[in-house]
Amino acid sequence: MALALRPNCEYCDKDLPPAARDAMICSYECTFCADCVETKLHNVCPNCGGGFTQRPIRPATEWRPGLSVAKRPASDKRVHLTKSLEDIAVHSARIKDIPPGER
């Protein structure tokens, strides 16, 4: 199953097209822009508490049959936060100093 490649930052709603180099994801595919991950979330996913990594870019060219962004398009479903900004700030502050691999 391919990554959904969600189209936006869940925090600031910035557009993150499939080739966005500043798209970050957690292991559950929660998607945020690099600026929000660094300055607002402090590398703490507000949903699961995990860390983030750069989202891979799906090839635009179909190098192998059926495998490209044209054949397996990105999601068009925008996702938004379910917690308040205050709750997220408290959550991030509580665990930001614990390395993601130890959370």
Protein backbone atom coordinates (compact mmCIF):
# COMPACT_ATOMS: atom_id res chain seq x y z
CA MET A 1 0.00 0.00 0.00
CA ALA A 2 1.41 3.37 -1.02
CA LEU A 3 1.68 6.43 1.20
CA ALA A 4 -1.36 8.68 0.98
CA LEU A 5 0.77 11.79 0.30
CA ARG A 6 -1.67 14.06 2.11
CA PRO A 7 -2.05 17.47 0.45
CA ASN A 8 -1.58 19.83 3.39
CA CYS A 9 0.08 20.61 6.69
CA GLU A 10 -2.32 19.58 9.43
CA TYR A 11 -1.19 22.53 11.57
CA CYS A 12 -1.07 25.58 9.26
CA ASP A 13 -2.92 24.12 6.23
CA LYS A 14 -0.02 24.94 3.86
CA ASP A 15 -0.32 23.11 0.55
CA LEU A 16 2.12 20.18 0.34
CA PRO A 17 1.95 18.80 -3.20
CA PRO A 18 3.42 15.35 -3.92
CA ALA A 19 6.87 16.78 -4.76
CA ALA A 20 7.06 19.10 -1.72
CA ARG A 21 10.52 18.86 -0.18
CA ASP A 22 9.33 20.37 3.10
CA ALA A 23 6.64 17.75 3.80
CA MET A 24 7.28 15.79 6.99
CA ILE A 25 5.47 12.65 8.18
CA CYS A 26 5.33 10.51 11.30
CA SER A 27 5.00 6.72 11.17
CA TYR A 28 1.20 7.10 10.92
CA GLU A 29 1.51 9.47 7.93
CA CYS A 30 0.42 12.52 9.93
CA THR A 31 1.66 15.28 7.65
CA PHE A 32 3.10 18.67 8.53
CA CYS A 33 5.37 21.23 6.90
CA ALA A 34 8.99 21.38 8.07
CA ASP A 35 8.47 24.85 9.56
CA CYS A 36 5.62 23.70 11.83
CA VAL A 37 7.53 20.53 12.81
CA GLU A 38 10.51 22.63 13.86
CA THR A 39 8.95 25.78 15.34
CA LYS A 40 5.53 24.69 16.61
CA LEU A 41 5.71 20.95 17.25
CA HIS A 42 9.40 20.56 18.20
CA ASN A 43 9.56 17.22 16.33
CA VAL A 44 6.67 15.79 18.36
CA CYS A 45 3.66 14.51 16.42
CA PRO A 46 0.60 16.03 18.12
CA ASN A 47 -1.39 12.90 17.34
CA CYS A 48 0.89 10.00 18.33
CA GLY A 49 3.88 11.59 20.07
CA GLY A 50 6.38 10.17 17.59
CA GLY A 51 9.01 12.05 15.63
CA PHE A 52 9.05 13.08 11.99
CA THR A 53 11.01 12.31 8.86
CA GLN A 54 10.98 13.89 5.42
CA ARG A 55 8.16 12.50 3.30
CA PRO A 56 9.48 10.63 0.25
CA ILE A 57 8.69 12.01 -3.18
CA ARG A 58 6.78 9.67 -5.47
CA PRO A 59 8.34 9.55 -8.94
CA ALA A 60 6.58 11.59 -11.62
CA THR A 61 8.01 9.30 -14.31
CA GLU A 62 6.64 5.79 -14.61
CA TRP A 63 9.99 3.97 -14.43
CA ARG A 64 8.20 0.70 -13.67
CA PRO A 65 4.70 -0.15 -14.94
CA GLY A 66 1.99 1.39 -12.75
CA LEU A 67 4.38 3.09 -10.33
CA SER A 68 4.30 6.87 -10.54
CA VAL A 69 2.35 9.76 -9.10
CA ALA A 70 0.25 9.73 -12.30
CA LYS A 71 -0.69 6.06 -11.81
CA ARG A 72 -0.96 6.24 -7.99
CA PRO A 73 -1.98 9.82 -7.30
CA ALA A 74 -1.65 11.63 -4.03
CA SER A 75 -4.64 12.01 -1.73
CA ASP A 76 -6.81 15.09 -2.18
CA LYS A 77 -8.36 14.74 1.30
CA ARG A 78 -7.19 17.59 3.51
CA VAL A 79 -6.54 16.64 7.14
CA HIS A 80 -6.67 19.06 10.08
CA LEU A 81 -5.77 18.92 13.75
CA THR A 82 -8.23 17.35 16.17
CA LYS A 83 -6.61 18.84 19.29
CA SER A 84 -6.48 22.48 20.35
CA LEU A 85 -3.30 24.49 19.81
CA GLU A 86 -2.96 24.81 23.58
CA ASP A 87 -3.21 21.04 24.06
CA ILE A 88 -0.62 20.49 21.32
CA ALA A 89 1.80 22.98 22.91
CA VAL A 90 1.55 21.22 26.28
CA HIS A 91 1.93 17.79 24.67
CA SER A 92 5.01 18.85 22.67
CA ALA A 93 6.65 20.58 25.64
CA ARG A 94 6.15 17.49 27.80
CA ILE A 95 8.08 15.10 25.56
CA LYS A 96 10.17 17.20 23.13
CA ASP A 97 13.42 16.49 25.01
CA ILE A 98 12.96 12.71 24.76
CA PRO A 99 14.52 11.42 21.52
CA PRO A 100 11.87 9.97 19.18
CA GLY A 101 13.41 6.48 19.41
CA GLU A 102 12.91 6.51 23.19
CA ARG A 103 9.33 7.78 23.27
